[in-house]
C-alpha atoms as a PDB file:
ATOM      1  CA  UNK A   1      96.648  88.294 121.532  1.00  0.00           C
ATOM      2  CA  UNK A   2      93.699  85.918 121.379  1.00  0.00           C
ATOM      3  CA  UNK A   3      91.115  84.298 123.602  1.00  0.00           C
ATOM      4  CA  UNK A   4      93.310  81.232 124.105  1.00  0.00           C
ATOM      5  CA  UNK A   5      95.869  83.472 125.770  1.00  0.00           C
ATOM      6  CA  UNK A   6      93.131  85.007 127.898  1.00  0.00           C
ATOM      7  CA  UNK A   7      92.084  81.558 129.050  1.00  0.00           C
ATOM      8  CA  UNK A   8      95.659  80.690 130.000  1.00  0.00           C
ATOM      9  CA  UNK A   9      96.073  83.923 131.939  1.00  0.00           C
ATOM     10  CA  UNK A  10      92.808  83.445 133.797  1.00  0.00           C
ATOM     11  CA  UNK A  11      93.703  79.816 134.560  1.00  0.00           C
ATOM     12  CA  UNK A  12      96.983  80.952 136.125  1.00  0.00           C
ATOM     13  CA  UNK A  13      95.069  83.297 138.398  1.00  0.00           C
ATOM     14  CA  UNK A  14      92.578  80.582 139.329  1.00  0.00           C
ATOM     15  CA  UNK A  15      95.002  77.704 139.880  1.00  0.00           C
ATOM     16  CA  UNK A  16      97.774  79.658 141.565  1.00  0.00           C
ATOM     17  CA  UNK A  17      96.617  82.944 143.151  1.00  0.00           C
ATOM     18  CA  UNK A  18      99.954  83.165 144.943  1.00  0.00           C
ATOM     19  CA  UNK A  19     101.670  83.598 141.588  1.00  0.00           C
ATOM     20  CA  UNK A  20     101.069  87.348 141.519  1.00  0.00           C
ATOM     21  CA  UNK A  21     101.997  87.724 145.166  1.00  0.00           C
ATOM     22  CA  UNK A  22     105.631  87.069 144.268  1.00  0.00           C
ATOM     23  CA  UNK A  23     105.741  89.655 141.481  1.00  0.00           C
ATOM     24  CA  UNK A  24     106.988  93.203 141.668  1.00  0.00           C
ATOM     25  CA  UNK A  25     104.382  95.936 141.207  1.00  0.00           C
ATOM     26  CA  UNK A  26     105.647  96.608 137.652  1.00  0.00           C
ATOM     27  CA  UNK A  27     105.324  92.940 136.674  1.00  0.00           C
ATOM     28  CA  UNK A  28     101.834  92.807 138.181  1.00  0.00           C
ATOM     29  CA  UNK A  29     100.709  95.804 136.133  1.00  0.00           C
ATOM     30  CA  UNK A  30     102.110  94.212 132.965  1.00  0.00           C
ATOM     31  CA  UNK A  31     100.406  90.907 133.769  1.00  0.00           C
ATOM     32  CA  UNK A  32      97.063  92.642 134.340  1.00  0.00           C
ATOM     33  CA  UNK A  33      97.404  94.619 131.098  1.00  0.00           C
ATOM     34  CA  UNK A  34      98.225  91.426 129.191  1.00  0.00           C
ATOM     35  CA  UNK A  35      95.060  89.799 130.499  1.00  0.00           C
ATOM     36  CA  UNK A  36      92.909  92.794 129.513  1.00  0.00           C
ATOM     37  CA  UNK A  37      94.394  93.133 126.014  1.00  0.00           C
ATOM     38  CA  UNK A  38      93.866  89.455 125.319  1.00  0.00           C
ATOM     39  CA  UNK A  39      90.121  89.925 125.775  1.00  0.00           C
ATOM     40  CA  UNK A  40      89.833  92.770 123.244  1.00  0.00           C
ATOM     41  CA  UNK A  41      88.506  92.050 119.711  1.00  0.00           C
ATOM     42  CA  UNK A  42      91.165  91.788 117.038  1.00  0.00           C
ATOM     43  CA  UNK A  43      90.816  93.401 113.600  1.00  0.00           C
ATOM     44  CA  UNK A  44      91.188  90.661 111.028  1.00  0.00           C
ATOM     45  CA  UNK A  45      92.145  91.985 107.608  1.00  0.00           C
ATOM     46  CA  UNK A  46      90.607  90.127 104.720  1.00  0.00           C
ATOM     47  CA  UNK A  47      91.665  90.529 101.101  1.00  0.00           C
ATOM     48  CA  UNK A  48      89.866  89.956  97.820  1.00  0.00           C
ATOM     49  CA  UNK A  49      91.344  90.095  94.351  1.00  0.00           C
ATOM     50  CA  UNK A  50      89.482  92.713  92.322  1.00  0.00           C
ATOM     51  CA  UNK A  51      91.634  92.908  89.185  1.00  0.00           C
ATOM     52  CA  UNK A  52      94.336  90.350  88.403  1.00  0.00           C
ATOM     53  CA  UNK A  53      96.171  92.067  85.581  1.00  0.00           C
ATOM     54  CA  UNK A  54      98.662  89.232  85.157  1.00  0.00           C
ATOM     55  CA  UNK A  55      95.927  87.365  83.264  1.00  0.00           C
ATOM     56  CA  UNK A  56      95.801  88.030  79.540  1.00  0.00           C
ATOM     57  CA  UNK A  57      92.029  88.390  79.455  1.00  0.00           C
ATOM     58  CA  UNK A  58      92.253  91.345  81.835  1.00  0.00           C
ATOM     59  CA  UNK A  59      93.035  93.670  78.903  1.00  0.00           C
ATOM     60  CA  UNK A  60      89.691  92.957  77.261  1.00  0.00           C
ATOM     61  CA  UNK A  61      87.864  95.555  79.355  1.00  0.00           C
ATOM     62  CA  UNK A  62      90.562  98.235  79.482  1.00  0.00           C
ATOM     63  CA  UNK A  63      90.446 101.493  77.545  1.00  0.00           C
ATOM     64  CA  UNK A  64      92.443 104.723  77.361  1.00  0.00           C
ATOM     65  CA  UNK A  65      91.279 108.315  77.791  1.00  0.00           C
ATOM     66  CA  UNK A  66      93.808 110.952  76.765  1.00  0.00           C
ATOM     67  CA  UNK A  67      93.740 114.728  76.476  1.00  0.00           C
ATOM     68  CA  UNK A  68      92.672 114.368  72.839  1.00  0.00           C
ATOM     69  CA  UNK A  69      89.107 114.722  74.151  1.00  0.00           C
ATOM     70  CA  UNK A  70      90.093 118.359  74.860  1.00  0.00           C
ATOM     71  CA  UNK A  71      92.268 118.913  71.797  1.00  0.00           C
ATOM     72  CA  UNK A  72      95.546 117.715  73.342  1.00  0.00           C
ATOM     73  CA  UNK A  73      98.212 115.605  71.651  1.00  0.00           C
ATOM     74  CA  UNK A  74      99.262 113.102  74.339  1.00  0.00           C
ATOM     75  CA  UNK A  75      99.452 109.444  73.295  1.00  0.00           C
ATOM     76  CA  UNK A  76      99.189 106.227  75.297  1.00  0.00           C
ATOM     77  CA  UNK A  77      98.677 102.505  74.899  1.00  0.00           C
ATOM     78  CA  UNK A  78      98.595  99.377  77.007  1.00  0.00           C
ATOM     79  CA  UNK A  79     100.000  95.891  76.565  1.00  0.00           C
ATOM     80  CA  UNK A  80     100.173  92.717  78.608  1.00  0.00           C
ATOM     81  CA  UNK A  81     102.819  90.293  79.829  1.00  0.00           C
ATOM     82  CA  UNK A  82     103.010  87.693  82.582  1.00  0.00           C
ATOM     83  CA  UNK A  83     103.712  90.358  85.226  1.00  0.00           C
ATOM     84  CA  UNK A  84     100.757  92.611  84.515  1.00  0.00           C
ATOM     85  CA  UNK A  85      99.446  95.347  82.250  1.00  0.00           C
ATOM     86  CA  UNK A  86     101.943  97.911  80.994  1.00  0.00           C
ATOM     87  CA  UNK A  87     100.571 101.415  80.403  1.00  0.00           C
ATOM     88  CA  UNK A  88     102.946 103.722  78.522  1.00  0.00           C
ATOM     89  CA  UNK A  89     103.083 106.658  76.192  1.00  0.00           C
ATOM     90  CA  UNK A  90     104.101 110.283  75.836  1.00  0.00           C
ATOM     91  CA  UNK A  91     102.459 113.254  77.544  1.00  0.00           C
ATOM     92  CA  UNK A  92     102.365 116.440  75.472  1.00  0.00           C
ATOM     93  CA  UNK A  93     101.541 119.887  76.830  1.00  0.00           C
ATOM     94  CA  UNK A  94     100.754 121.243  73.370  1.00  0.00           C
ATOM     95  CA  UNK A  95      97.280 122.576  72.573  1.00  0.00           C
ATOM     96  CA  UNK A  96      96.474 122.847  76.273  1.00  0.00           C
ATOM     97  CA  UNK A  97      96.830 119.095  76.841  1.00  0.00           C
ATOM     98  CA  UNK A  98      98.799 117.226  79.461  1.00  0.00           C
ATOM     99  CA  UNK A  99      97.252 113.953  80.588  1.00  0.00           C
ATOM    100  CA  UNK A 100      96.784 110.313  79.667  1.00  0.00           C
ATOM    101  CA  UNK A 101      94.867 107.580  81.476  1.00  0.00           C
ATOM    102  CA  UNK A 102      93.926 103.905  81.391  1.00  0.00           C
ATOM    103  CA  UNK A 103      90.653 102.728  82.894  1.00  0.00           C
ATOM    104  CA  UNK A 104      88.645  99.618  83.746  1.00  0.00           C
ATOM    105  CA  UNK A 105      85.222  98.767  85.152  1.00  0.00           C
ATOM    106  CA  UNK A 106      85.339  97.352  88.673  1.00  0.00           C
ATOM    107  CA  UNK A 107      83.049  96.036  91.419  1.00  0.00           C
ATOM    108  CA  UNK A 108      84.221  96.447  95.030  1.00  0.00           C
ATOM    109  CA  UNK A 109      82.588  94.449  97.844  1.00  0.00           C
ATOM    110  CA  UNK A 110      80.748  96.043 100.741  1.00  0.00           C
ATOM    111  CA  UNK A 111      82.952  96.361 103.811  1.00  0.00           C
ATOM    112  CA  UNK A 112      86.079  97.324 101.873  1.00  0.00           C
ATOM    113  CA  UNK A 113      88.131  99.807 103.884  1.00  0.00           C
ATOM    114  CA  UNK A 114      91.187 100.062 101.623  1.00  0.00           C
ATOM    115  CA  UNK A 115      92.505  99.260  98.155  1.00  0.00           C
ATOM    116  CA  UNK A 116      95.925  97.630  97.669  1.00  0.00           C
ATOM    117  CA  UNK A 117      97.523  98.359  94.289  1.00  0.00           C
ATOM    118  CA  UNK A 118     100.806  96.722  93.215  1.00  0.00           C
ATOM    119  CA  UNK A 119     102.722  98.747  90.612  1.00  0.00           C
ATOM    120  CA  UNK A 120     106.142  99.686  89.292  1.00  0.00           C
ATOM    121  CA  UNK A 121     107.229 102.430  86.923  1.00  0.00           C
ATOM    122  CA  UNK A 122     109.696 105.118  85.945  1.00  0.00           C
ATOM    123  CA  UNK A 123     109.693 107.342  89.056  1.00  0.00           C
ATOM    124  CA  UNK A 124     106.917 109.619  87.821  1.00  0.00           C
ATOM    125  CA  UNK A 125     103.901 110.628  89.847  1.00  0.00           C
ATOM    126  CA  UNK A 126     100.595 109.019  88.930  1.00  0.00           C
ATOM    127  CA  UNK A 127      97.064 109.124  90.233  1.00  0.00           C
ATOM    128  CA  UNK A 128      94.822 106.229  91.109  1.00  0.00           C
ATOM    129  CA  UNK A 129      91.459 107.425  89.812  1.00  0.00           C
ATOM    130  CA  UNK A 130      88.023 106.056  90.648  1.00  0.00           C
ATOM    131  CA  UNK A 131      84.458 106.962  89.793  1.00  0.00           C
ATOM    132  CA  UNK A 132      81.181 106.069  91.428  1.00  0.00           C
ATOM    133  CA  UNK A 133      79.368 107.311  88.325  1.00  0.00           C
ATOM    134  CA  UNK A 134      80.996 106.681  84.915  1.00  0.00           C
ATOM    135  CA  UNK A 135      79.182 109.647  83.369  1.00  0.00           C
ATOM    136  CA  UNK A 136      81.631 112.161  81.794  1.00  0.00           C
ATOM    137  CA  UNK A 137      80.103 114.914  83.918  1.00  0.00           C
ATOM    138  CA  UNK A 138      80.509 113.054  87.209  1.00  0.00           C
ATOM    139  CA  UNK A 139      83.372 113.954  89.584  1.00  0.00           C
ATOM    140  CA  UNK A 140      86.469 111.799  89.783  1.00  0.00           C
ATOM    141  CA  UNK A 141      88.211 110.758  93.004  1.00  0.00           C
ATOM    142  CA  UNK A 142      92.007 110.613  92.825  1.00  0.00           C
ATOM    143  CA  UNK A 143      94.982 109.765  95.032  1.00  0.00           C
ATOM    144  CA  UNK A 144      98.659 110.318  94.185  1.00  0.00           C
ATOM    145  CA  UNK A 145     101.488 107.781  94.178  1.00  0.00           C
ATOM    146  CA  UNK A 146     104.993 107.558  92.709  1.00  0.00           C
ATOM    147  CA  UNK A 147     105.762 104.410  90.716  1.00  0.00           C
ATOM    148  CA  UNK A 148     109.298 103.187  91.484  1.00  0.00           C
ATOM    149  CA  UNK A 149     111.298 100.704  89.328  1.00  0.00           C
ATOM    150  CA  UNK A 150     110.805  97.988  91.967  1.00  0.00           C
ATOM    151  CA  UNK A 151     107.369  96.502  92.593  1.00  0.00           C
ATOM    152  CA  UNK A 152     105.558  98.242  95.427  1.00  0.00           C
ATOM    153  CA  UNK A 153     102.100  97.796  96.931  1.00  0.00           C
ATOM    154  CA  UNK A 154     100.312 101.008  97.848  1.00  0.00           C
ATOM    155  CA  UNK A 155      97.382 100.991 100.262  1.00  0.00           C
ATOM    156  CA  UNK A 156      94.709 103.617  99.636  1.00  0.00           C
ATOM    157  CA  UNK A 157      91.965 104.452 102.113  1.00  0.00           C
ATOM    158  CA  UNK A 158      88.882 106.474 101.234  1.00  0.00           C
ATOM    159  CA  UNK A 159      90.325 109.529 102.996  1.00  0.00           C
ATOM    160  CA  UNK A 160      93.312 109.505 100.600  1.00  0.00           C
ATOM    161  CA  UNK A 161      91.106 110.435  97.644  1.00  0.00           C
ATOM    162  CA  UNK A 162      90.196 113.974  96.633  1.00  0.00           C
ATOM    163  CA  UNK A 163      87.263 114.747  94.371  1.00  0.00           C
ATOM    164  CA  UNK A 164      87.865 116.742  91.192  1.00  0.00           C
ATOM    165  CA  UNK A 165      86.254 117.609  87.884  1.00  0.00           C
ATOM    166  CA  UNK A 166      88.446 118.376  84.874  1.00  0.00           C
ATOM    167  CA  UNK A 167      91.433 118.747  87.170  1.00  0.00           C
ATOM    168  CA  UNK A 168      89.812 121.153  89.619  1.00  0.00           C
ATOM    169  CA  UNK A 169      88.778 120.345  93.210  1.00  0.00           C
ATOM    170  CA  UNK A 170      85.024 120.036  93.742  1.00  0.00           C
ATOM    171  CA  UNK A 171      82.662 119.193  96.564  1.00  0.00           C
ATOM    172  CA  UNK A 172      81.411 115.627  96.299  1.00  0.00           C
ATOM    173  CA  UNK A 173      79.779 112.984  98.514  1.00  0.00           C
ATOM    174  CA  UNK A 174      82.030 111.075 100.898  1.00  0.00           C
ATOM    175  CA  UNK A 175      83.661 108.197  99.042  1.00  0.00           C
ATOM    176  CA  UNK A 176      82.358 104.689  99.730  1.00  0.00           C
ATOM    177  CA  UNK A 177      84.367 101.998  97.969  1.00  0.00           C
ATOM    178  CA  UNK A 178      81.388  99.734  97.317  1.00  0.00           C
ATOM    179  CA  UNK A 179      79.858 102.534  95.202  1.00  0.00           C
ATOM    180  CA  UNK A 180      82.828 102.592  92.797  1.00  0.00           C
ATOM    181  CA  UNK A 181      82.156 101.505  89.219  1.00  0.00           C
ATOM    182  CA  UNK A 182      85.359 102.546  87.436  1.00  0.00           C
ATOM    183  CA  UNK A 183      89.058 102.572  88.329  1.00  0.00           C
ATOM    184  CA  UNK A 184      92.202 103.614  86.505  1.00  0.00           C
ATOM    185  CA  UNK A 185      95.626 105.209  86.433  1.00  0.00           C
ATOM    186  CA  UNK A 186      96.289 108.749  85.213  1.00  0.00           C
ATOM    187  CA  UNK A 187      99.399 110.817  84.590  1.00  0.00           C
ATOM    188  CA  UNK A 188      99.114 114.610  84.576  1.00  0.00           C
ATOM    189  CA  UNK A 189     100.623 117.473  86.648  1.00  0.00           C
ATOM    190  CA  UNK A 190     102.562 118.949  83.692  1.00  0.00           C
ATOM    191  CA  UNK A 191     104.793 115.862  83.417  1.00  0.00           C
ATOM    192  CA  UNK A 192     105.677 116.130  79.744  1.00  0.00           C
ATOM    193  CA  UNK A 193     107.560 113.293  78.046  1.00  0.00           C
ATOM    194  CA  UNK A 194     107.616 109.516  78.045  1.00  0.00           C
ATOM    195  CA  UNK A 195     106.033 107.544  80.872  1.00  0.00           C
ATOM    196  CA  UNK A 196     105.711 103.884  81.762  1.00  0.00           C
ATOM    197  CA  UNK A 197     103.840 102.204  84.601  1.00  0.00           C
ATOM    198  CA  UNK A 198     102.943  98.538  85.080  1.00  0.00           C
ATOM    199  CA  UNK A 199     100.085  97.343  87.284  1.00  0.00           C
ATOM    200  CA  UNK A 200     100.073  93.799  88.643  1.00  0.00           C
ATOM    201  CA  UNK A 201      96.860  93.667  90.625  1.00  0.00           C
ATOM    202  CA  UNK A 202      94.274  95.556  92.635  1.00  0.00           C
ATOM    203  CA  UNK A 203      92.910  94.039  95.842  1.00  0.00           C
ATOM    204  CA  UNK A 204      90.322  95.096  98.378  1.00  0.00           C
ATOM    205  CA  UNK A 205      91.064  94.998 102.098  1.00  0.00           C
ATOM    206  CA  UNK A 206      88.514  95.016 104.874  1.00  0.00           C
ATOM    207  CA  UNK A 207      88.675  94.775 108.658  1.00  0.00           C
ATOM    208  CA  UNK A 208      86.146  92.949 110.850  1.00  0.00           C
ATOM    209  CA  UNK A 209      86.424  92.220 114.580  1.00  0.00           C
ATOM    210  CA  UNK A 210      86.741  88.601 115.700  1.00  0.00           C
END
């Protein structure tokens, strides 16, 4: 629906009032509803590329954080090809470990209502992780997804993220995307063994009435 349609509908009423006189009651109600809906504001989704990981230079600001910081033995690395950044490795549960992650700085524009992330992988469950404060003692917000062998774009809204600290739920301020300073992908949840996930891009999505 748009305002052009509204103008057409109103013109029909003005130029030919007898038009509705020939309609059944059901058709009249539909016609009236059509006119009303056409006058309502429409949410226009806008997108902005935040991280284009198909570009070779995108790897320059990436880094890994594994469970070695807590004495674990998991290993991971990242590489690049024309389709994006490949993050892979082996998760070990030895020595109380069990996670690996890849991270990047990010700036998200004001008005962002969702993040679109295009990924593929080996059917394991991963977490999209974000931080509003990169300090090691700051809480992390995370949302789960399963990376399938075929490319898939996941849309994450702020309500999809749960705050945690060292794997445990914590109380934290309501997430606002424009406050985010760091983003990444993490594998945990006792998923021992090899993993592989490739990320193509991360985009912001926002809705504004027009």
